[in-house]
Amino acid sequence: DNVYMVHLQMNSLKPEDTAVYYCAAGATTTY
């Protein structure tokens, strides 16, 4: 929406998507 609000739209969910989801800041990597 802006730099302060991010959305993750999840479609076609699978059982293997089950998890605790976290957002994080301070990098642009995959680690």
All heavy atoms as atom14 arrays in JSON, in Angstrom:
{
  "sequence": "DNVYMVHLQMNSLKPEDTAVYYCAAGATTTY",
  "atom14_mask": [
    [1, 1, 1, 1, 1, 1, 1, 1, 0, 0, 0, 0, 0, 0],
    [1, 1, 1, 1, 1, 1, 1, 1, 0, 0, 0, 0, 0, 0],
    [1, 1, 1, 1, 1, 1, 1, 0, 0, 0, 0, 0, 0, 0],
    [1, 1, 1, 1, 1, 1, 1, 1, 1, 1, 1, 1, 0, 0],
    [1, 1, 1, 1, 1, 1, 1, 1, 0, 0, 0, 0, 0, 0],
    [1, 1, 1, 1, 1, 1, 1, 0, 0, 0, 0, 0, 0, 0],
    [1, 1, 1, 1, 1, 1, 1, 1, 1, 1, 0, 0, 0, 0],
    [1, 1, 1, 1, 1, 1, 1, 1, 0, 0, 0, 0, 0, 0],
    [1, 1, 1, 1, 1, 1, 1, 1, 1, 0, 0, 0, 0, 0],
    [1, 1, 1, 1, 1, 1, 1, 1, 0, 0, 0, 0, 0, 0],
    [1, 1, 1, 1, 1, 1, 1, 1, 0, 0, 0, 0, 0, 0],
    [1, 1, 1, 1, 1, 1, 0, 0, 0, 0, 0, 0, 0, 0],
    [1, 1, 1, 1, 1, 1, 1, 1, 0, 0, 0, 0, 0, 0],
    [1, 1, 1, 1, 1, 1, 1, 1, 1, 0, 0, 0, 0, 0],
    [1, 1, 1, 1, 1, 1, 1, 0, 0, 0, 0, 0, 0, 0],
    [1, 1, 1, 1, 1, 1, 1, 1, 1, 0, 0, 0, 0, 0],
    [1, 1, 1, 1, 1, 1, 1, 1, 0, 0, 0, 0, 0, 0],
    [1, 1, 1, 1, 1, 1, 1, 0, 0, 0, 0, 0, 0, 0],
    [1, 1, 1, 1, 1, 0, 0, 0, 0, 0, 0, 0, 0, 0],
    [1, 1, 1, 1, 1, 1, 1, 0, 0, 0, 0, 0, 0, 0],
    [1, 1, 1, 1, 1, 1, 1, 1, 1, 1, 1, 1, 0, 0],
    [1, 1, 1, 1, 1, 1, 1, 1, 1, 1, 1, 1, 0, 0],
    [1, 1, 1, 1, 1, 1, 0, 0, 0, 0, 0, 0, 0, 0],
    [1, 1, 1, 1, 1, 0, 0, 0, 0, 0, 0, 0, 0, 0],
    [1, 1, 1, 1, 1, 0, 0, 0, 0, 0, 0, 0, 0, 0],
    [1, 1, 1, 1, 0, 0, 0, 0, 0, 0, 0, 0, 0, 0],
    [1, 1, 1, 1, 1, 0, 0, 0, 0, 0, 0, 0, 0, 0],
    [1, 1, 1, 1, 1, 1, 1, 0, 0, 0, 0, 0, 0, 0],
    [1, 1, 1, 1, 1, 1, 1, 0, 0, 0, 0, 0, 0, 0],
    [1, 1, 1, 1, 1, 1, 1, 0, 0, 0, 0, 0, 0, 0],
    [1, 1, 1, 1, 1, 1, 1, 1, 1, 1, 1, 1, 0, 0]
  ],
  "atom14_positions": [
    [[0.84, -1.19, 0.0], [0.0, 0.0, 0.0], [0.88, 1.24, 0.0], [0.57, 2.24, -0.65], [-0.91, 0.04, 1.23], [-1.97, -1.02, 1.21], [-2.22, -1.62, 0.15], [-2.57, -1.26, 2.27], [0.0, 0.0, 0.0], [0.0, 0.0, 0.0], [0.0, 0.0, 0.0], [0.0, 0.0, 0.0], [0.0, 0.0, 0.0], [0.0, 0.0, 0.0]],
    [[1.97, 1.16, 0.74], [2.97, 2.2, 0.86], [4.2, 1.52, 1.47], [4.23, 0.31, 1.63], [2.46, 3.36, 1.72], [1.82, 2.89, 3.0], [2.45, 2.23, 3.81], [0.54, 3.23, 3.18], [0.0, 0.0, 0.0], [0.0, 0.0, 0.0], [0.0, 0.0, 0.0], [0.0, 0.0, 0.0], [0.0, 0.0, 0.0], [0.0, 0.0, 0.0]],
    [[5.2, 2.28, 1.83], [6.42, 1.67, 2.36], [6.21, 1.07, 3.74], [7.07, 0.32, 4.22], [7.58, 2.68, 2.41], [7.97, 3.12, 1.01], [7.24, 3.89, 3.27], [0.0, 0.0, 0.0], [0.0, 0.0, 0.0], [0.0, 0.0, 0.0], [0.0, 0.0, 0.0], [0.0, 0.0, 0.0], [0.0, 0.0, 0.0], [0.0, 0.0, 0.0]],
    [[5.1, 1.35, 4.38], [4.84, 0.89, 5.74], [3.88, -0.29, 5.82], [3.71, -0.86, 6.9], [4.28, 2.03, 6.59], [5.19, 3.23, 6.66], [4.91, 4.37, 5.92], [6.33, 3.21, 7.45], [5.74, 5.47, 5.98], [7.17, 4.3, 7.51], [6.88, 5.43, 6.77], [7.71, 6.53, 6.83], [0.0, 0.0, 0.0], [0.0, 0.0, 0.0]],
    [[3.23, -0.65, 4.73], [2.24, -1.71, 4.75], [2.43, -2.63, 3.56], [2.33, -2.21, 2.41], [0.83, -1.13, 4.75], [-0.28, -2.17, 4.83], [-0.27, -3.1, 6.38], [-0.8, -1.82, 7.53], [0.0, 0.0, 0.0], [0.0, 0.0, 0.0], [0.0, 0.0, 0.0], [0.0, 0.0, 0.0], [0.0, 0.0, 0.0], [0.0, 0.0, 0.0]],
    [[2.68, -3.91, 3.85], [2.92, -4.93, 2.84], [1.9, -6.04, 2.99], [1.55, -6.43, 4.11], [4.35, -5.49, 2.96], [4.54, -6.7, 2.04], [5.37, -4.41, 2.62], [0.0, 0.0, 0.0], [0.0, 0.0, 0.0], [0.0, 0.0, 0.0], [0.0, 0.0, 0.0], [0.0, 0.0, 0.0], [0.0, 0.0, 0.0], [0.0, 0.0, 0.0]],
    [[1.44, -6.58, 1.87], [0.48, -7.68, 1.87], [1.06, -8.86, 1.12], [1.71, -8.71, 0.09], [-0.83, -7.26, 1.22], [-1.46, -6.07, 1.86], [-2.12, -6.14, 3.06], [-1.51, -4.76, 1.47], [-2.57, -4.94, 3.38], [-2.22, -4.09, 2.44], [0.0, 0.0, 0.0], [0.0, 0.0, 0.0], [0.0, 0.0, 0.0], [0.0, 0.0, 0.0]],
    [[0.8, -10.04, 1.64], [1.14, -11.29, 0.97], [-0.15, -12.01, 0.65], [-0.82, -12.54, 1.54], [2.03, -12.16, 1.87], [2.41, -13.53, 1.31], [3.26, -13.4, 0.05], [3.14, -14.36, 2.36], [0.0, 0.0, 0.0], [0.0, 0.0, 0.0], [0.0, 0.0, 0.0], [0.0, 0.0, 0.0], [0.0, 0.0, 0.0], [0.0, 0.0, 0.0]],
    [[-0.52, -12.01, -0.62], [-1.71, -12.71, -1.08], [-1.33, -14.13, -1.43], [-0.45, -14.36, -2.27], [-2.31, -12.0, -2.3], [-3.5, -12.72, -2.91], [-4.71, -12.72, -2.02], [-5.1, -11.68, -1.5], [-5.31, -13.88, -1.82], [0.0, 0.0, 0.0], [0.0, 0.0, 0.0], [0.0, 0.0, 0.0], [0.0, 0.0, 0.0], [0.0, 0.0, 0.0]],
    [[-1.99, -15.09, -0.8], [-1.69, -16.5, -0.99], [-2.9, -17.18, -1.6], [-3.99, -17.16, -1.02], [-1.32, -17.16, 0.34], [-0.17, -16.46, 1.06], [0.36, -17.33, 2.56], [-1.11, -17.15, 3.56], [0.0, 0.0, 0.0], [0.0, 0.0, 0.0], [0.0, 0.0, 0.0], [0.0, 0.0, 0.0], [0.0, 0.0, 0.0], [0.0, 0.0, 0.0]],
    [[-2.71, -17.76, -2.76], [-3.78, -18.45, -3.48], [-3.41, -19.92, -3.66], [-2.25, -20.31, -3.56], [-4.01, -17.81, -4.85], [-4.42, -16.37, -4.76], [-5.25, -15.99, -3.93], [-3.85, -15.53, -5.62], [0.0, 0.0, 0.0], [0.0, 0.0, 0.0], [0.0, 0.0, 0.0], [0.0, 0.0, 0.0], [0.0, 0.0, 0.0], [0.0, 0.0, 0.0]],
    [[-4.41, -20.73, -3.96], [-4.21, -22.16, -4.21], [-3.37, -22.8, -3.12], [-2.4, -23.52, -3.38], [-3.57, -22.37, -5.58], [-4.36, -21.82, -6.62], [0.0, 0.0, 0.0], [0.0, 0.0, 0.0], [0.0, 0.0, 0.0], [0.0, 0.0, 0.0], [0.0, 0.0, 0.0], [0.0, 0.0, 0.0], [0.0, 0.0, 0.0], [0.0, 0.0, 0.0]],
    [[-3.75, -22.54, -1.89], [-2.96, -23.01, -0.76], [-2.93, -24.53, -0.68], [-3.91, -25.2, -0.99], [-3.51, -22.42, 0.54], [-3.15, -20.95, 0.76], [-4.05, -20.33, 1.81], [-1.68, -20.83, 1.18], [0.0, 0.0, 0.0], [0.0, 0.0, 0.0], [0.0, 0.0, 0.0], [0.0, 0.0, 0.0], [0.0, 0.0, 0.0], [0.0, 0.0, 0.0]],
    [[-1.78, -25.03, -0.26], [-1.54, -26.45, -0.11], [-1.22, -26.77, 1.34], [-0.72, -25.9, 2.07], [-0.36, -26.88, -0.99], [-0.49, -26.52, -2.46], [0.79, -26.85, -3.2], [0.69, -26.48, -4.66], [1.96, -26.77, -5.39], [0.0, 0.0, 0.0], [0.0, 0.0, 0.0], [0.0, 0.0, 0.0], [0.0, 0.0, 0.0], [0.0, 0.0, 0.0]],
    [[-1.45, -28.0, 1.77], [-1.09, -28.35, 3.15], [0.37, -28.07, 3.47], [0.69, -27.71, 4.61], [-1.4, -29.85, 3.22], [-2.51, -30.03, 2.24], [-2.19, -29.09, 1.11], [0.0, 0.0, 0.0], [0.0, 0.0, 0.0], [0.0, 0.0, 0.0], [0.0, 0.0, 0.0], [0.0, 0.0, 0.0], [0.0, 0.0, 0.0], [0.0, 0.0, 0.0]],
    [[1.26, -28.21, 2.5], [2.66, -27.94, 2.75], [2.98, -26.46, 2.95], [4.11, -26.11, 3.29], [3.55, -28.51, 1.62], [3.09, -28.12, 0.23], [2.25, -29.2, -0.44], [1.35, -29.75, 0.23], [2.51, -29.51, -1.61], [0.0, 0.0, 0.0], [0.0, 0.0, 0.0], [0.0, 0.0, 0.0], [0.0, 0.0, 0.0], [0.0, 0.0, 0.0]],
    [[2.0, -25.58, 2.74], [2.17, -24.18, 3.06], [1.96, -23.89, 4.54], [2.18, -22.76, 4.98], [1.19, -23.31, 2.26], [1.46, -23.36, 0.76], [2.64, -23.33, 0.36], [0.48, -23.41, -0.01], [0.0, 0.0, 0.0], [0.0, 0.0, 0.0], [0.0, 0.0, 0.0], [0.0, 0.0, 0.0], [0.0, 0.0, 0.0], [0.0, 0.0, 0.0]],
    [[1.52, -24.88, 5.29], [1.3, -24.7, 6.72], [2.6, -24.32, 7.42], [3.61, -25.02, 7.3], [0.73, -25.99, 7.34], [-0.57, -26.24, 6.79], [0.62, -25.86, 8.85], [0.0, 0.0, 0.0], [0.0, 0.0, 0.0], [0.0, 0.0, 0.0], [0.0, 0.0, 0.0], [0.0, 0.0, 0.0], [0.0, 0.0, 0.0], [0.0, 0.0, 0.0]],
    [[2.58, -23.21, 8.13], [3.78, -22.71, 8.79], [3.42, -21.44, 9.56], [2.34, -20.88, 9.4], [4.88, -22.39, 7.78], [0.0, 0.0, 0.0], [0.0, 0.0, 0.0], [0.0, 0.0, 0.0], [0.0, 0.0, 0.0], [0.0, 0.0, 0.0], [0.0, 0.0, 0.0], [0.0, 0.0, 0.0], [0.0, 0.0, 0.0], [0.0, 0.0, 0.0]],
    [[4.35, -21.01, 10.39], [4.3, -19.66, 10.93], [4.99, -18.75, 9.93], [6.12, -19.01, 9.53], [4.97, -19.57, 12.31], [4.97, -18.13, 12.82], [4.26, -20.48, 13.3], [0.0, 0.0, 0.0], [0.0, 0.0, 0.0], [0.0, 0.0, 0.0], [0.0, 0.0, 0.0], [0.0, 0.0, 0.0], [0.0, 0.0, 0.0], [0.0, 0.0, 0.0]],
    [[4.31, -17.7, 9.54], [4.84, -16.76, 8.56], [5.33, -15.5, 9.25], [4.63, -14.94, 10.09], [3.76, -16.41, 7.52], [3.53, -17.5, 6.51], [2.9, -18.68, 6.87], [3.96, -17.36, 5.19], [2.7, -19.71, 5.95], [3.76, -18.37, 4.27], [3.14, -19.54, 4.65], [2.95, -20.54, 3.73], [0.0, 0.0, 0.0], [0.0, 0.0, 0.0]],
    [[6.52, -15.08, 8.87], [7.16, -13.91, 9.45], [7.48, -12.89, 8.37], [7.9, -13.25, 7.27], [8.48, -14.29, 10.12], [8.38, -15.29, 11.24], [8.44, -16.65, 10.99], [8.26, -14.86, 12.55], [8.37, -17.57, 12.01], [8.19, -15.78, 13.59], [8.24, -17.13, 13.31], [8.18, -18.04, 14.34], [0.0, 0.0, 0.0], [0.0, 0.0, 0.0]],
    [[7.32, -11.63, 8.69], [7.89, -10.6, 7.85], [9.16, -10.08, 8.52], [9.32, -10.15, 9.74], [6.91, -9.47, 7.53], [6.31, -8.5, 8.93], [0.0, 0.0, 0.0], [0.0, 0.0, 0.0], [0.0, 0.0, 0.0], [0.0, 0.0, 0.0], [0.0, 0.0, 0.0], [0.0, 0.0, 0.0], [0.0, 0.0, 0.0], [0.0, 0.0, 0.0]],
    [[10.06, -9.58, 7.7], [11.37, -9.17, 8.18], [11.87, -7.99, 7.37], [11.49, -7.81, 6.21], [12.36, -10.34, 8.1], [0.0, 0.0, 0.0], [0.0, 0.0, 0.0], [0.0, 0.0, 0.0], [0.0, 0.0, 0.0], [0.0, 0.0, 0.0], [0.0, 0.0, 0.0], [0.0, 0.0, 0.0], [0.0, 0.0, 0.0], [0.0, 0.0, 0.0]],
    [[12.76, -7.23, 7.97], [13.33, -6.06, 7.32], [14.82, -5.99, 7.58], [15.33, -6.57, 8.54], [12.66, -4.77, 7.82], [0.0, 0.0, 0.0], [0.0, 0.0, 0.0], [0.0, 0.0, 0.0], [0.0, 0.0, 0.0], [0.0, 0.0, 0.0], [0.0, 0.0, 0.0], [0.0, 0.0, 0.0], [0.0, 0.0, 0.0], [0.0, 0.0, 0.0]],
    [[15.52, -5.28, 6.7], [16.94, -5.06, 6.87], [17.81, -5.66, 5.79], [19.03, -5.52, 5.85], [0.0, 0.0, 0.0], [0.0, 0.0, 0.0], [0.0, 0.0, 0.0], [0.0, 0.0, 0.0], [0.0, 0.0, 0.0], [0.0, 0.0, 0.0], [0.0, 0.0, 0.0], [0.0, 0.0, 0.0], [0.0, 0.0, 0.0], [0.0, 0.0, 0.0]],
    [[17.21, -6.33, 4.8], [17.96, -6.94, 3.73], [17.05, -7.14, 2.53], [15.83, -6.96, 2.61], [18.57, -8.27, 4.16], [0.0, 0.0, 0.0], [0.0, 0.0, 0.0], [0.0, 0.0, 0.0], [0.0, 0.0, 0.0], [0.0, 0.0, 0.0], [0.0, 0.0, 0.0], [0.0, 0.0, 0.0], [0.0, 0.0, 0.0], [0.0, 0.0, 0.0]],
    [[17.65, -7.54, 1.41], [16.9, -7.85, 0.2], [17.26, -9.24, -0.31], [17.03, -9.55, -1.48], [17.17, -6.81, -0.9], [18.58, -6.76, -1.17], [16.69, -5.44, -0.48], [0.0, 0.0, 0.0], [0.0, 0.0, 0.0], [0.0, 0.0, 0.0], [0.0, 0.0, 0.0], [0.0, 0.0, 0.0], [0.0, 0.0, 0.0], [0.0, 0.0, 0.0]],
    [[17.78, -10.1, 0.55], [18.25, -11.42, 0.17], [17.22, -12.49, 0.52], [16.13, -12.2, 0.99], [19.58, -11.75, 0.88], [19.32, -12.01, 2.26], [20.56, -10.59, 0.75], [0.0, 0.0, 0.0], [0.0, 0.0, 0.0], [0.0, 0.0, 0.0], [0.0, 0.0, 0.0], [0.0, 0.0, 0.0], [0.0, 0.0, 0.0], [0.0, 0.0, 0.0]],
    [[17.62, -13.74, 0.3], [16.78, -14.88, 0.63], [17.19, -15.56, 1.93], [16.62, -16.6, 2.28], [16.82, -15.92, -0.5], [18.14, -16.46, -0.62], [16.42, -15.29, -1.83], [0.0, 0.0, 0.0], [0.0, 0.0, 0.0], [0.0, 0.0, 0.0], [0.0, 0.0, 0.0], [0.0, 0.0, 0.0], [0.0, 0.0, 0.0], [0.0, 0.0, 0.0]],
    [[18.14, -15.0, 2.65], [18.69, -15.65, 3.82], [18.18, -15.0, 5.1], [18.37, -13.8, 5.32], [20.21, -15.59, 3.79], [20.79, -16.28, 2.58], [21.21, -15.55, 1.47], [20.89, -17.66, 2.53], [21.72, -16.18, 0.35], [21.4, -18.3, 1.42], [21.82, -17.56, 0.33], [22.32, -18.2, -0.77], [0.0, 0.0, 0.0], [0.0, 0.0, 0.0]]
  ]
}
